[in-house]
Amino acid sequence: MSERAAPFYCPYCGDEDLRPNETGHGAWECAACRRAFQLKFLGLLSTANGGQAHERA
């Protein structure tokens, strides 16, 4: 994967006016609330019971 994934909206205010931030990979800034945040992919989750999603009671 060579393209970076872009967030659709700010996690703080919900606005869609986002721009990449210069501080590093995955860093974004919101023009509406003036916050900067960073997104990071942690990995894929495994399922607990042999390929089926775990149900909560």
N, C-alpha and C. Protein backbone atom coordinates (compact mmCIF):
# COMPACT_ATOMS: atom_id res chain seq x y z
N MET A 1 0.83 -1.17 0.00
CA MET A 1 0.00 0.00 0.00
C MET A 1 0.88 1.24 0.00
N SER A 2 0.79 2.04 -1.02
CA SER A 2 1.64 3.21 -1.07
C SER A 2 0.89 4.50 -0.73
N GLU A 3 -0.43 4.50 -0.84
CA GLU A 3 -1.19 5.69 -0.53
C GLU A 3 -1.56 5.70 0.94
N ARG A 4 -1.59 6.90 1.52
CA ARG A 4 -2.01 6.98 2.91
C ARG A 4 -3.52 7.15 2.98
N ALA A 5 -4.12 6.59 4.00
CA ALA A 5 -5.55 6.71 4.19
C ALA A 5 -5.86 8.03 4.85
N ALA A 6 -6.86 8.71 4.36
CA ALA A 6 -7.24 10.01 4.90
C ALA A 6 -8.49 9.88 5.75
N PRO A 7 -8.51 10.55 6.91
CA PRO A 7 -9.74 10.53 7.71
C PRO A 7 -10.82 11.36 7.02
N PHE A 8 -12.06 11.01 7.24
CA PHE A 8 -13.17 11.73 6.62
C PHE A 8 -13.62 12.93 7.44
N TYR A 9 -13.40 12.87 8.76
CA TYR A 9 -13.83 13.98 9.61
C TYR A 9 -12.94 14.04 10.86
N CYS A 10 -12.96 15.17 11.53
CA CYS A 10 -12.17 15.38 12.74
C CYS A 10 -12.77 14.57 13.89
N PRO A 11 -11.94 13.81 14.63
CA PRO A 11 -12.47 13.03 15.75
C PRO A 11 -12.91 13.88 16.94
N TYR A 12 -12.57 15.16 16.94
CA TYR A 12 -12.91 16.04 18.05
C TYR A 12 -14.18 16.86 17.79
N CYS A 13 -14.29 17.47 16.60
CA CYS A 13 -15.44 18.34 16.34
C CYS A 13 -16.34 17.83 15.21
N GLY A 14 -15.88 16.85 14.43
CA GLY A 14 -16.68 16.29 13.36
C GLY A 14 -16.61 17.03 12.04
N ASP A 15 -15.85 18.11 11.97
CA ASP A 15 -15.75 18.88 10.74
C ASP A 15 -14.95 18.11 9.68
N GLU A 16 -15.14 18.44 8.42
CA GLU A 16 -14.47 17.73 7.33
C GLU A 16 -13.32 18.51 6.70
N ASP A 17 -12.98 19.67 7.25
CA ASP A 17 -11.91 20.50 6.69
C ASP A 17 -10.57 20.10 7.29
N LEU A 18 -10.03 18.97 6.81
CA LEU A 18 -8.78 18.41 7.34
C LEU A 18 -7.66 18.56 6.33
N ARG A 19 -6.45 18.77 6.84
CA ARG A 19 -5.26 18.88 6.00
C ARG A 19 -4.13 18.10 6.65
N PRO A 20 -3.24 17.52 5.83
CA PRO A 20 -2.07 16.84 6.42
C PRO A 20 -1.23 17.82 7.24
N ASN A 21 -0.71 17.35 8.35
CA ASN A 21 0.14 18.17 9.21
C ASN A 21 1.60 17.83 8.93
N GLU A 22 2.47 18.78 9.08
CA GLU A 22 3.89 18.60 8.75
C GLU A 22 4.68 17.83 9.80
N THR A 23 4.08 17.48 10.93
CA THR A 23 4.84 16.86 12.01
C THR A 23 5.22 15.40 11.75
N GLY A 24 4.55 14.73 10.83
CA GLY A 24 4.94 13.35 10.56
C GLY A 24 3.88 12.55 9.83
N HIS A 25 4.21 11.29 9.60
CA HIS A 25 3.31 10.38 8.88
C HIS A 25 2.04 10.14 9.68
N GLY A 26 0.90 10.31 9.05
CA GLY A 26 -0.38 10.08 9.71
C GLY A 26 -0.88 11.25 10.53
N ALA A 27 -0.20 12.38 10.48
CA ALA A 27 -0.60 13.55 11.26
C ALA A 27 -1.52 14.44 10.42
N TRP A 28 -2.60 14.89 11.04
CA TRP A 28 -3.61 15.71 10.39
C TRP A 28 -3.95 16.90 11.27
N GLU A 29 -4.47 17.96 10.65
CA GLU A 29 -4.94 19.12 11.41
C GLU A 29 -6.32 19.52 10.93
N CYS A 30 -7.12 19.99 11.87
CA CYS A 30 -8.49 20.41 11.58
C CYS A 30 -8.53 21.94 11.56
N ALA A 31 -9.01 22.50 10.45
CA ALA A 31 -9.09 23.96 10.33
C ALA A 31 -10.21 24.53 11.19
N ALA A 32 -11.23 23.74 11.49
CA ALA A 32 -12.37 24.24 12.25
C ALA A 32 -12.06 24.41 13.74
N CYS A 33 -11.50 23.37 14.38
CA CYS A 33 -11.24 23.44 15.83
C CYS A 33 -9.77 23.67 16.15
N ARG A 34 -8.92 23.74 15.12
CA ARG A 34 -7.49 24.03 15.27
C ARG A 34 -6.75 22.97 16.08
N ARG A 35 -7.22 21.72 16.04
CA ARG A 35 -6.53 20.63 16.73
C ARG A 35 -5.71 19.83 15.72
N ALA A 36 -4.64 19.24 16.20
CA ALA A 36 -3.84 18.34 15.38
C ALA A 36 -3.90 16.96 16.03
N PHE A 37 -3.95 15.93 15.19
CA PHE A 37 -4.02 14.57 15.71
C PHE A 37 -3.27 13.65 14.76
N GLN A 38 -2.97 12.45 15.24
CA GLN A 38 -2.23 11.49 14.44
C GLN A 38 -2.95 10.15 14.42
N LEU A 39 -3.02 9.55 13.24
CA LEU A 39 -3.64 8.24 13.07
C LEU A 39 -2.54 7.20 12.87
N LYS A 40 -2.75 6.03 13.44
CA LYS A 40 -1.75 4.97 13.32
C LYS A 40 -2.46 3.63 13.18
N PHE A 41 -2.07 2.86 12.20
CA PHE A 41 -2.60 1.51 11.99
C PHE A 41 -1.86 0.57 12.92
N LEU A 42 -2.58 -0.14 13.76
CA LEU A 42 -1.96 -1.03 14.72
C LEU A 42 -1.85 -2.46 14.23
N GLY A 43 -2.74 -2.90 13.36
CA GLY A 43 -2.70 -4.26 12.86
C GLY A 43 -4.09 -4.84 12.76
N LEU A 44 -4.16 -6.09 12.33
CA LEU A 44 -5.43 -6.78 12.20
C LEU A 44 -5.74 -7.54 13.48
N LEU A 45 -7.00 -7.59 13.83
CA LEU A 45 -7.43 -8.32 15.01
C LEU A 45 -7.74 -9.76 14.62
N SER A 46 -7.38 -10.68 15.48
CA SER A 46 -7.72 -12.08 15.24
C SER A 46 -9.03 -12.39 15.95
N THR A 47 -9.72 -13.39 15.46
CA THR A 47 -10.97 -13.78 16.11
C THR A 47 -10.68 -14.84 17.16
N ALA A 48 -11.45 -14.86 18.21
CA ALA A 48 -11.19 -15.74 19.35
C ALA A 48 -11.64 -17.17 19.12
N ASN A 49 -12.71 -17.40 18.35
CA ASN A 49 -13.24 -18.76 18.25
C ASN A 49 -13.25 -19.25 16.80
N GLY A 50 -12.07 -19.45 16.25
CA GLY A 50 -11.91 -20.10 14.96
C GLY A 50 -12.53 -19.41 13.77
N GLY A 51 -12.37 -18.13 13.65
CA GLY A 51 -12.87 -17.41 12.48
C GLY A 51 -14.24 -16.78 12.65
N GLN A 52 -14.86 -16.96 13.81
CA GLN A 52 -16.15 -16.35 14.04
C GLN A 52 -16.01 -15.21 15.03
N ALA A 53 -16.79 -14.17 14.82
CA ALA A 53 -16.74 -13.01 15.71
C ALA A 53 -17.25 -13.40 17.10
N HIS A 54 -16.65 -12.83 18.11
CA HIS A 54 -17.03 -13.10 19.50
C HIS A 54 -18.28 -12.29 19.84
N GLU A 55 -19.29 -12.96 20.37
CA GLU A 55 -20.52 -12.29 20.76
C GLU A 55 -20.46 -11.94 22.24
N ARG A 56 -20.92 -10.74 22.54
CA ARG A 56 -20.99 -10.32 23.95
C ARG A 56 -22.37 -10.60 24.50
N ALA A 57 -22.41 -11.04 25.74
CA ALA A 57 -23.70 -11.37 26.35
C ALA A 57 -24.35 -10.17 26.98
